[in-house]
Amino acid sequence: MKFGKKRAMKSAEIDLTPMIDTVMFLLIFFMLTTTLKQKENDLGINLPGRMDSGGPVDMPDEQVIEVNSQGDVILNGKVFEGKELKDLTKVLVLYRQASDANKSKCLITIQADENSVYERIVNVMNACVGAGISNVTFGGSTGG
């Protein structure tokens, strides 16, 4: 019994082109739909030390800094000493931050005595600049 000629066996081939296309489409899909690392400021963590205000806080329209003839710098009844007026700068920074949080303008009026030393007035203006306050005006003299 003869069954015919022996045929050469063909090896089975798998076409990988559709599989490669499918893998590429999946890779592109996952790359486009995946969210990357979330920014730290978007985490929504409430840190201690900062209070959320329910509404606007009544802030004074302006702060008046007095400079008398003895060279004393007075803000809200408190006398600030020292050539650099570092404590005044700290208080003014707090005032600016409160004004920013309240979304209001930060206004400073300097009332200097006509016999006061100009250097003290310049020191007060430097303290305002150090606190980031640019709305500074001059008022009338405090007397002589």
Protein backbone atom coordinates (compact mmCIF):
# COMPACT_ATOMS: atom_id res chain seq x y z
CA MET A 1 0.00 0.00 0.00
CA LYS A 2 1.31 3.13 -1.11
CA PHE A 3 -0.06 6.26 0.40
CA GLY A 4 1.66 8.70 -1.80
CA LYS A 5 4.76 10.70 -1.71
CA LYS A 6 6.09 11.88 1.52
CA ARG A 7 5.53 15.51 1.89
CA ALA A 8 7.92 17.71 3.68
CA MET A 9 6.44 18.80 6.99
CA LYS A 10 5.85 22.48 7.20
CA SER A 11 6.66 24.04 10.50
CA ALA A 12 3.80 25.85 12.15
CA GLU A 13 4.20 29.61 12.07
CA ILE A 14 2.42 32.13 14.25
CA ASP A 15 2.06 35.64 12.92
CA LEU A 16 3.04 37.96 15.80
CA THR A 17 2.07 41.24 14.10
CA PRO A 18 -1.52 41.40 15.45
CA MET A 19 -0.32 40.50 18.95
CA ILE A 20 2.35 43.24 18.87
CA ASP A 21 -0.25 45.76 17.65
CA THR A 22 -2.63 44.77 20.45
CA VAL A 23 0.08 45.06 23.10
CA MET A 24 1.08 48.49 21.80
CA PHE A 25 -2.54 49.68 21.87
CA LEU A 26 -2.91 48.45 25.46
CA LEU A 27 0.35 50.10 26.48
CA ILE A 28 -0.70 53.44 24.98
CA PHE A 29 -4.16 53.16 26.57
CA PHE A 30 -2.74 52.53 30.05
CA MET A 31 -0.15 55.28 29.69
CA LEU A 32 -2.82 57.82 28.79
CA THR A 33 -5.36 56.83 31.44
CA THR A 34 -3.00 56.41 34.38
CA THR A 35 -2.64 59.37 36.72
CA LEU A 36 0.91 60.10 37.60
CA LYS A 37 2.26 61.03 41.01
CA GLN A 38 -0.11 63.34 42.84
CA LYS A 39 1.28 66.71 43.88
CA GLU A 40 1.82 67.23 47.60
CA ASN A 41 -0.29 70.35 47.76
CA ASP A 42 -3.29 68.40 46.42
CA LEU A 43 -3.36 65.91 49.27
CA GLY A 44 -5.84 67.97 51.32
CA ILE A 45 -4.13 67.59 54.68
CA ASN A 46 -5.07 70.08 57.36
CA LEU A 47 -1.89 71.05 59.16
CA PRO A 48 -2.02 72.27 62.75
CA GLY A 49 -1.40 75.91 63.58
CA ARG A 50 -3.73 77.51 61.08
CA MET A 51 -7.35 78.20 61.81
CA ASP A 52 -10.01 78.35 59.15
CA SER A 53 -12.13 81.42 59.66
CA GLY A 54 -15.82 81.11 59.08
CA GLY A 55 -16.14 84.62 57.74
CA PRO A 56 -14.28 87.86 57.36
CA VAL A 57 -12.63 89.18 60.48
CA ASP A 58 -13.03 92.83 61.40
CA MET A 59 -9.63 94.32 60.71
CA PRO A 60 -8.74 97.91 61.32
CA ASP A 61 -8.51 99.92 58.14
CA GLU A 62 -5.01 101.05 58.95
CA GLN A 63 -2.32 100.90 61.60
CA VAL A 64 -0.88 104.17 62.87
CA ILE A 65 2.79 104.18 63.88
CA GLU A 66 3.83 107.19 65.92
CA VAL A 67 7.39 108.54 66.15
CA ASN A 68 7.80 111.10 68.93
CA SER A 69 10.51 113.67 69.48
CA GLN A 70 12.47 111.34 71.82
CA GLY A 71 12.76 108.78 69.01
CA ASP A 72 10.21 106.34 70.48
CA VAL A 73 8.27 104.27 67.96
CA ILE A 74 4.76 103.49 69.18
CA LEU A 75 2.26 101.08 67.60
CA ASN A 76 -1.02 100.28 69.39
CA GLY A 77 0.35 101.65 72.66
CA LYS A 78 3.48 99.47 72.57
CA VAL A 79 6.87 101.18 72.44
CA PHE A 80 9.43 99.54 70.16
CA GLU A 81 13.09 100.02 70.90
CA GLY A 82 16.33 99.23 69.17
CA LYS A 83 17.96 100.65 66.12
CA GLU A 84 16.77 97.93 63.72
CA LEU A 85 13.20 97.66 65.08
CA LYS A 86 13.11 93.88 64.60
CA ASP A 87 10.11 93.48 66.92
CA LEU A 88 8.16 96.05 64.90
CA THR A 89 8.94 94.15 61.71
CA LYS A 90 7.62 90.92 63.27
CA VAL A 91 4.38 92.65 64.33
CA LEU A 92 3.96 94.17 60.88
CA VAL A 93 4.51 90.77 59.23
CA LEU A 94 1.69 89.35 61.38
CA TYR A 95 -0.53 92.30 60.43
CA ARG A 96 0.20 91.75 56.73
CA GLN A 97 -0.53 88.02 56.99
CA ALA A 98 -3.83 88.73 58.76
CA SER A 99 -4.76 91.27 56.10
CA ASP A 100 -3.90 88.82 53.33
CA ALA A 101 -5.98 86.10 54.99
CA ASN A 102 -8.87 88.57 55.31
CA LYS A 103 -8.35 89.72 51.70
CA SER A 104 -8.06 93.35 52.70
CA LYS A 105 -5.44 96.02 52.07
CA CYS A 106 -2.65 96.47 54.56
CA LEU A 107 -2.34 100.20 55.25
CA ILE A 108 0.24 101.91 57.49
CA THR A 109 0.22 105.58 58.46
CA ILE A 110 3.34 107.06 60.01
CA GLN A 111 2.70 110.05 62.27
CA ALA A 112 5.98 111.69 63.15
CA ASP A 113 6.61 114.56 65.50
CA GLU A 114 8.06 117.61 63.80
CA ASN A 115 11.09 117.38 66.11
CA SER A 116 11.66 113.64 65.62
CA VAL A 117 14.87 112.27 64.20
CA TYR A 118 14.54 111.37 60.53
CA GLU A 119 16.59 108.24 61.04
CA ARG A 120 13.79 106.74 63.18
CA ILE A 121 11.26 107.46 60.44
CA VAL A 122 13.51 105.74 57.91
CA ASN A 123 13.85 102.79 60.32
CA VAL A 124 10.04 102.53 60.50
CA MET A 125 9.83 102.63 56.70
CA ASN A 126 12.50 99.90 56.48
CA ALA A 127 10.46 97.79 58.93
CA CYS A 128 7.44 98.21 56.64
CA VAL A 129 9.47 97.12 53.63
CA GLY A 130 10.85 94.17 55.59
CA ALA A 131 7.29 93.11 56.37
CA GLY A 132 6.27 93.38 52.73
CA ILE A 133 3.96 96.36 53.21
CA SER A 134 3.98 98.89 50.41
CA ASN A 135 0.93 101.01 51.30
CA VAL A 136 2.62 103.51 53.66
CA THR A 137 1.43 107.08 54.09
CA PHE A 138 2.39 109.97 56.33
CA GLY A 139 -0.09 111.60 58.66
CA GLY A 140 -0.04 114.86 60.56
CA SER A 141 2.47 115.50 63.31
CA THR A 142 1.79 114.22 66.81
CA GLY A 143 2.52 117.55 68.41
CA GLY A 144 5.60 119.21 69.64
